[in-house]
């Protein structure tokens, strides 16, 4: 795994509802707010037993209202649905970027399997 480098830039894009995380010219990720909310690192989103995550539904319109830096290792995200727990450390943000396609496809498949909706 890559070292836990500090991003060189983090940009909140309100029009596209994304968060851009830049580690270098060759490594940047544009992450949708819904994805960040669904894959929150908070304990309330992680299942109490095992590795299976709690299925978070109906976050297609969630708004990322604010970002607060936590030392030099993480950020805290504040969403308009009241969710504000969980720290997104640099390694986790990188992992979310690297695994976006697989993570999001898995989420959509779980939603379909449980007869939910993606938004």
N, C-alpha and C. Protein backbone atom coordinates (compact mmCIF):
# COMPACT_ATOMS: atom_id res chain seq x y z
N UNK A 1 0.84 -1.19 0.00
CA UNK A 1 0.00 0.00 0.00
C UNK A 1 0.88 1.24 0.00
N UNK A 2 0.37 2.30 -0.59
CA UNK A 2 1.12 3.54 -0.66
C UNK A 2 1.23 4.17 0.72
N UNK A 3 2.28 4.94 0.90
CA UNK A 3 2.45 5.62 2.18
C UNK A 3 1.28 6.56 2.43
N UNK A 4 1.10 6.91 3.67
CA UNK A 4 -0.02 7.74 4.09
C UNK A 4 0.32 9.22 3.92
N UNK A 5 0.53 9.65 2.68
CA UNK A 5 0.88 11.04 2.39
C UNK A 5 -0.31 11.97 2.63
N UNK A 6 0.03 13.20 2.93
CA UNK A 6 -0.97 14.24 3.12
C UNK A 6 -1.40 14.76 1.75
N UNK A 7 -2.70 14.94 1.52
CA UNK A 7 -3.13 15.51 0.24
C UNK A 7 -2.56 16.91 0.05
N UNK A 8 -2.27 17.25 -1.19
CA UNK A 8 -1.79 18.60 -1.49
C UNK A 8 -2.95 19.58 -1.64
N UNK A 9 -4.16 19.05 -1.88
CA UNK A 9 -5.33 19.91 -2.02
C UNK A 9 -6.59 19.09 -1.78
N UNK A 10 -7.58 19.74 -1.18
CA UNK A 10 -8.91 19.15 -1.01
C UNK A 10 -9.89 20.25 -1.38
N UNK A 11 -10.74 19.96 -2.38
CA UNK A 11 -11.64 20.98 -2.90
C UNK A 11 -13.08 20.47 -2.86
N UNK A 12 -13.96 21.26 -2.26
CA UNK A 12 -15.38 20.96 -2.21
C UNK A 12 -16.04 21.59 -3.44
N UNK A 13 -16.57 20.75 -4.32
CA UNK A 13 -17.23 21.23 -5.55
C UNK A 13 -18.74 21.17 -5.34
N UNK A 14 -19.34 22.31 -5.06
CA UNK A 14 -20.78 22.34 -4.75
C UNK A 14 -21.66 22.05 -5.96
N UNK A 15 -21.26 22.51 -7.13
CA UNK A 15 -22.10 22.29 -8.31
C UNK A 15 -22.16 20.83 -8.72
N UNK A 16 -21.04 20.13 -8.64
CA UNK A 16 -21.02 18.72 -9.04
C UNK A 16 -21.23 17.76 -7.87
N UNK A 17 -21.39 18.30 -6.66
CA UNK A 17 -21.60 17.49 -5.45
C UNK A 17 -20.49 16.46 -5.26
N UNK A 18 -19.26 16.93 -5.41
CA UNK A 18 -18.10 16.06 -5.25
C UNK A 18 -17.05 16.70 -4.36
N UNK A 19 -16.17 15.86 -3.86
CA UNK A 19 -15.00 16.30 -3.10
C UNK A 19 -13.78 15.82 -3.87
N UNK A 20 -12.93 16.76 -4.24
CA UNK A 20 -11.71 16.42 -4.97
C UNK A 20 -10.56 16.33 -3.97
N UNK A 21 -9.87 15.20 -3.98
CA UNK A 21 -8.74 14.97 -3.09
C UNK A 21 -7.51 14.74 -3.96
N UNK A 22 -6.53 15.64 -3.85
CA UNK A 22 -5.34 15.59 -4.69
C UNK A 22 -4.14 15.20 -3.84
N UNK A 23 -3.48 14.10 -4.22
CA UNK A 23 -2.26 13.68 -3.54
C UNK A 23 -1.02 14.09 -4.33
N UNK A 24 -1.15 14.14 -5.65
CA UNK A 24 -0.07 14.56 -6.54
C UNK A 24 -0.68 14.83 -7.91
N UNK A 25 0.13 15.30 -8.85
CA UNK A 25 -0.38 15.53 -10.21
C UNK A 25 -0.94 14.25 -10.82
N UNK A 26 -0.35 13.12 -10.46
CA UNK A 26 -0.76 11.84 -11.02
C UNK A 26 -1.79 11.10 -10.19
N UNK A 27 -2.11 11.63 -9.03
CA UNK A 27 -3.04 10.92 -8.15
C UNK A 27 -4.04 11.89 -7.54
N UNK A 28 -5.23 11.91 -8.14
CA UNK A 28 -6.31 12.71 -7.57
C UNK A 28 -7.61 11.94 -7.74
N UNK A 29 -8.51 12.16 -6.82
CA UNK A 29 -9.78 11.45 -6.81
C UNK A 29 -10.91 12.46 -6.67
N UNK A 30 -11.97 12.26 -7.42
CA UNK A 30 -13.16 13.08 -7.34
C UNK A 30 -14.27 12.17 -6.82
N UNK A 31 -14.66 12.40 -5.57
CA UNK A 31 -15.56 11.49 -4.87
C UNK A 31 -16.93 12.14 -4.65
N UNK A 32 -18.00 11.51 -5.12
CA UNK A 32 -19.34 12.04 -4.91
C UNK A 32 -19.70 12.09 -3.42
N UNK A 33 -20.45 13.10 -3.05
CA UNK A 33 -20.86 13.24 -1.65
C UNK A 33 -21.64 12.01 -1.18
N UNK A 34 -22.53 11.50 -2.03
CA UNK A 34 -23.31 10.32 -1.65
C UNK A 34 -22.38 9.16 -1.32
N UNK A 35 -21.38 8.96 -2.12
CA UNK A 35 -20.40 7.88 -1.89
C UNK A 35 -19.69 8.08 -0.56
N UNK A 36 -19.25 9.30 -0.28
CA UNK A 36 -18.57 9.58 0.99
C UNK A 36 -19.49 9.32 2.18
N UNK A 37 -20.77 9.66 2.04
CA UNK A 37 -21.73 9.45 3.13
C UNK A 37 -21.99 7.96 3.31
N UNK A 38 -22.20 7.24 2.22
CA UNK A 38 -22.49 5.80 2.28
C UNK A 38 -21.31 5.03 2.87
N UNK A 39 -20.09 5.44 2.52
CA UNK A 39 -18.90 4.74 2.99
C UNK A 39 -18.21 5.47 4.13
N UNK A 40 -18.99 6.13 4.95
CA UNK A 40 -18.44 6.81 6.13
C UNK A 40 -17.68 5.82 7.00
N UNK A 41 -16.55 6.24 7.56
CA UNK A 41 -15.80 5.35 8.45
C UNK A 41 -16.36 5.29 9.87
N UNK A 42 -17.50 5.91 10.12
CA UNK A 42 -18.04 5.95 11.48
C UNK A 42 -18.52 4.58 11.93
N UNK A 43 -18.54 4.40 13.23
CA UNK A 43 -18.99 3.13 13.80
C UNK A 43 -20.48 2.90 13.54
N UNK A 44 -21.26 3.98 13.42
CA UNK A 44 -22.69 3.80 13.18
C UNK A 44 -22.99 3.25 11.79
N UNK A 45 -22.06 3.38 10.87
CA UNK A 45 -22.24 2.83 9.52
C UNK A 45 -21.66 1.43 9.41
N UNK A 46 -20.65 1.16 10.19
CA UNK A 46 -20.05 -0.18 10.18
C UNK A 46 -20.91 -1.11 11.04
N UNK A 47 -21.09 -2.32 10.60
CA UNK A 47 -21.88 -3.29 11.36
C UNK A 47 -21.20 -3.60 12.68
N UNK A 48 -21.98 -3.93 13.66
CA UNK A 48 -21.41 -4.22 14.98
C UNK A 48 -20.66 -5.55 15.01
N UNK A 49 -21.06 -6.45 14.15
CA UNK A 49 -20.42 -7.76 14.11
C UNK A 49 -19.99 -8.06 12.68
N UNK A 50 -18.79 -8.51 12.50
CA UNK A 50 -18.32 -8.88 11.17
C UNK A 50 -17.88 -7.68 10.36
N UNK A 51 -17.60 -7.93 9.09
CA UNK A 51 -17.09 -6.89 8.21
C UNK A 51 -18.17 -6.23 7.36
N UNK A 52 -19.35 -6.79 7.32
CA UNK A 52 -20.42 -6.25 6.49
C UNK A 52 -20.83 -4.86 6.99
N UNK A 53 -20.90 -3.92 6.06
CA UNK A 53 -21.30 -2.55 6.40
C UNK A 53 -22.82 -2.47 6.45
N UNK A 54 -23.32 -1.57 7.27
CA UNK A 54 -24.75 -1.29 7.28
C UNK A 54 -25.10 -0.65 5.94
N UNK A 55 -26.19 -1.08 5.36
CA UNK A 55 -26.61 -0.54 4.06
C UNK A 55 -27.24 0.84 4.28
N UNK A 56 -26.58 1.87 3.81
CA UNK A 56 -27.06 3.24 3.94
C UNK A 56 -27.86 3.57 2.69
N UNK A 57 -29.10 3.99 2.87
CA UNK A 57 -30.02 4.24 1.75
C UNK A 57 -30.37 5.72 1.63
N UNK A 58 -30.88 6.05 0.45
CA UNK A 58 -31.51 7.35 0.21
C UNK A 58 -30.62 8.55 0.53
N UNK A 59 -29.39 8.52 0.05
CA UNK A 59 -28.46 9.63 0.28
C UNK A 59 -28.09 10.34 -1.01
N UNK A 60 -28.86 10.13 -2.07
CA UNK A 60 -28.57 10.75 -3.36
C UNK A 60 -28.60 12.27 -3.33
N UNK A 61 -29.35 12.84 -2.41
CA UNK A 61 -29.46 14.30 -2.32
C UNK A 61 -28.72 14.87 -1.12
N UNK A 62 -27.91 14.07 -0.47
CA UNK A 62 -27.19 14.55 0.71
C UNK A 62 -26.23 15.67 0.31
N UNK A 63 -26.09 16.65 1.20
CA UNK A 63 -25.20 17.78 0.95
C UNK A 63 -24.05 17.74 1.95
N UNK A 64 -22.85 17.86 1.44
CA UNK A 64 -21.67 17.98 2.29
C UNK A 64 -21.54 19.46 2.62
N UNK A 65 -21.85 19.81 3.86
CA UNK A 65 -21.93 21.22 4.25
C UNK A 65 -20.59 21.82 4.66
N UNK A 66 -19.75 20.99 5.29
CA UNK A 66 -18.54 21.56 5.87
C UNK A 66 -17.48 20.48 6.02
N UNK A 67 -16.23 20.90 5.93
CA UNK A 67 -15.07 20.02 6.13
C UNK A 67 -14.20 20.66 7.20
N UNK A 68 -13.79 19.87 8.18
CA UNK A 68 -12.90 20.37 9.22
C UNK A 68 -11.64 19.51 9.25
N UNK A 69 -10.46 20.13 9.18
CA UNK A 69 -9.23 19.34 9.29
C UNK A 69 -9.05 18.84 10.72
N UNK A 70 -8.53 17.64 10.85
CA UNK A 70 -8.22 17.04 12.15
C UNK A 70 -6.72 16.78 12.16
N UNK A 71 -5.99 17.65 12.83
CA UNK A 71 -4.53 17.53 12.85
C UNK A 71 -3.99 17.50 11.44
N UNK A 72 -2.95 16.70 11.23
CA UNK A 72 -2.39 16.56 9.88
C UNK A 72 -2.63 15.15 9.35
N UNK A 73 -3.71 14.51 9.84
CA UNK A 73 -3.94 13.12 9.45
C UNK A 73 -5.33 12.81 8.91
N UNK A 74 -6.29 13.75 9.02
CA UNK A 74 -7.67 13.42 8.64
C UNK A 74 -8.51 14.67 8.44
N UNK A 75 -9.72 14.44 7.92
CA UNK A 75 -10.75 15.47 7.88
C UNK A 75 -12.03 14.89 8.44
N UNK A 76 -12.87 15.77 8.95
CA UNK A 76 -14.19 15.40 9.42
C UNK A 76 -15.19 16.06 8.48
N UNK A 77 -16.17 15.29 8.02
CA UNK A 77 -17.16 15.79 7.08
C UNK A 77 -18.50 15.96 7.79
N UNK A 78 -19.17 17.06 7.51
CA UNK A 78 -20.47 17.37 8.10
C UNK A 78 -21.51 17.38 6.99
N UNK A 79 -22.48 16.47 7.08
CA UNK A 79 -23.52 16.33 6.07
C UNK A 79 -24.83 16.94 6.56
N UNK A 80 -25.68 17.35 5.63
CA UNK A 80 -26.93 18.01 6.01
C UNK A 80 -27.96 17.07 6.63
N UNK A 81 -27.72 15.77 6.62
CA UNK A 81 -28.63 14.84 7.29
C UNK A 81 -28.25 14.63 8.75
N UNK A 82 -27.29 15.44 9.23
CA UNK A 82 -26.86 15.36 10.63
C UNK A 82 -25.68 14.45 10.86
N UNK A 83 -25.27 13.70 9.86
CA UNK A 83 -24.14 12.79 10.03
C UNK A 83 -22.84 13.58 10.08
N UNK A 84 -22.08 13.34 11.16
CA UNK A 84 -20.80 14.04 11.32
C UNK A 84 -19.79 13.20 12.10
N UNK A 85 -20.07 11.93 12.26
CA UNK A 85 -19.12 11.09 12.99
C UNK A 85 -18.24 10.33 12.01
N UNK A 86 -17.08 9.98 12.46
CA UNK A 86 -16.12 9.28 11.61
C UNK A 86 -15.10 10.22 11.03
N UNK A 87 -13.85 9.84 11.12
CA UNK A 87 -12.76 10.63 10.58
C UNK A 87 -12.24 9.98 9.31
N UNK A 88 -12.14 10.75 8.27
CA UNK A 88 -11.63 10.29 6.98
C UNK A 88 -10.14 10.57 6.95
N UNK A 89 -9.33 9.59 7.36
CA UNK A 89 -7.88 9.82 7.33
C UNK A 89 -7.38 9.70 5.90
N UNK A 90 -6.14 10.15 5.68
CA UNK A 90 -5.61 10.21 4.31
C UNK A 90 -5.58 8.84 3.65
N UNK A 91 -5.22 7.82 4.40
CA UNK A 91 -5.19 6.47 3.83
C UNK A 91 -6.58 6.00 3.41
N UNK A 92 -7.59 6.32 4.23
CA UNK A 92 -8.95 5.90 3.90
C UNK A 92 -9.48 6.67 2.68
N UNK A 93 -9.18 7.97 2.60
CA UNK A 93 -9.60 8.73 1.42
C UNK A 93 -8.96 8.18 0.15
N UNK A 94 -7.69 7.83 0.24
CA UNK A 94 -7.00 7.23 -0.91
C UNK A 94 -7.67 5.90 -1.29
N UNK A 95 -7.95 5.09 -0.28
CA UNK A 95 -8.61 3.80 -0.52
C UNK A 95 -9.98 3.99 -1.17
N UNK A 96 -10.75 4.97 -0.70
CA UNK A 96 -12.05 5.25 -1.30
C UNK A 96 -11.90 5.62 -2.77
N UNK A 97 -10.86 6.39 -3.08
CA UNK A 97 -10.61 6.77 -4.47
C UNK A 97 -10.19 5.60 -5.32
N UNK A 98 -9.25 4.82 -4.81
CA UNK A 98 -8.72 3.68 -5.57
C UNK A 98 -9.79 2.62 -5.82
N UNK A 99 -10.69 2.44 -4.87
CA UNK A 99 -11.69 1.37 -4.95
C UNK A 99 -13.09 1.88 -5.28
N UNK A 100 -13.16 3.11 -5.80
CA UNK A 100 -14.48 3.70 -6.06
C UNK A 100 -15.37 2.80 -6.90
N UNK A 101 -14.91 2.37 -8.07
CA UNK A 101 -15.76 1.58 -8.97
C UNK A 101 -16.25 0.31 -8.30
N UNK A 102 -15.36 -0.41 -7.67
CA UNK A 102 -15.73 -1.68 -7.02
C UNK A 102 -16.68 -1.43 -5.84
N UNK A 103 -16.34 -0.45 -5.00
CA UNK A 103 -17.18 -0.15 -3.84
C UNK A 103 -18.59 0.26 -4.27
N UNK A 104 -18.66 1.17 -5.24
CA UNK A 104 -19.97 1.69 -5.64
C UNK A 104 -20.80 0.61 -6.32
N UNK A 105 -20.18 -0.20 -7.17
CA UNK A 105 -20.90 -1.29 -7.81
C UNK A 105 -21.43 -2.26 -6.76
N UNK A 106 -20.62 -2.59 -5.77
CA UNK A 106 -21.06 -3.47 -4.69
C UNK A 106 -22.23 -2.88 -3.92
N UNK A 107 -22.19 -1.59 -3.67
CA UNK A 107 -23.29 -0.91 -2.97
C UNK A 107 -24.58 -1.00 -3.80
N UNK A 108 -24.48 -0.70 -5.09
CA UNK A 108 -25.66 -0.76 -5.95
C UNK A 108 -26.23 -2.17 -6.03
N UNK A 109 -25.36 -3.16 -6.07
CA UNK A 109 -25.82 -4.56 -6.11
C UNK A 109 -26.53 -4.93 -4.81
N UNK A 110 -26.01 -4.48 -3.68
CA UNK A 110 -26.68 -4.74 -2.39
C UNK A 110 -28.04 -4.07 -2.35
N UNK A 111 -28.11 -2.84 -2.86
CA UNK A 111 -29.39 -2.12 -2.88
C UNK A 111 -30.41 -2.90 -3.72
N UNK A 112 -29.97 -3.36 -4.88
CA UNK A 112 -30.86 -4.11 -5.76
C UNK A 112 -31.28 -5.42 -5.12
N UNK A 113 -30.34 -6.11 -4.50
CA UNK A 113 -30.63 -7.40 -3.86
C UNK A 113 -31.64 -7.24 -2.72
N UNK A 114 -31.60 -6.11 -2.06
CA UNK A 114 -32.52 -5.87 -0.94
C UNK A 114 -33.71 -5.02 -1.37
N UNK A 115 -33.93 -4.93 -2.69
CA UNK A 115 -35.05 -4.19 -3.27
C UNK A 115 -35.10 -2.73 -2.83
N UNK A 116 -33.92 -2.14 -2.65
CA UNK A 116 -33.85 -0.72 -2.30
C UNK A 116 -33.67 0.11 -3.54
N UNK A 117 -33.43 1.37 -3.31
CA UNK A 117 -33.16 2.30 -4.40
C UNK A 117 -31.81 2.93 -4.14
N UNK A 118 -31.16 3.37 -5.21
CA UNK A 118 -29.84 3.98 -5.05
C UNK A 118 -29.94 5.42 -4.57
N UNK A 119 -31.07 6.04 -4.70
CA UNK A 119 -31.22 7.44 -4.25
C UNK A 119 -32.44 7.58 -3.40
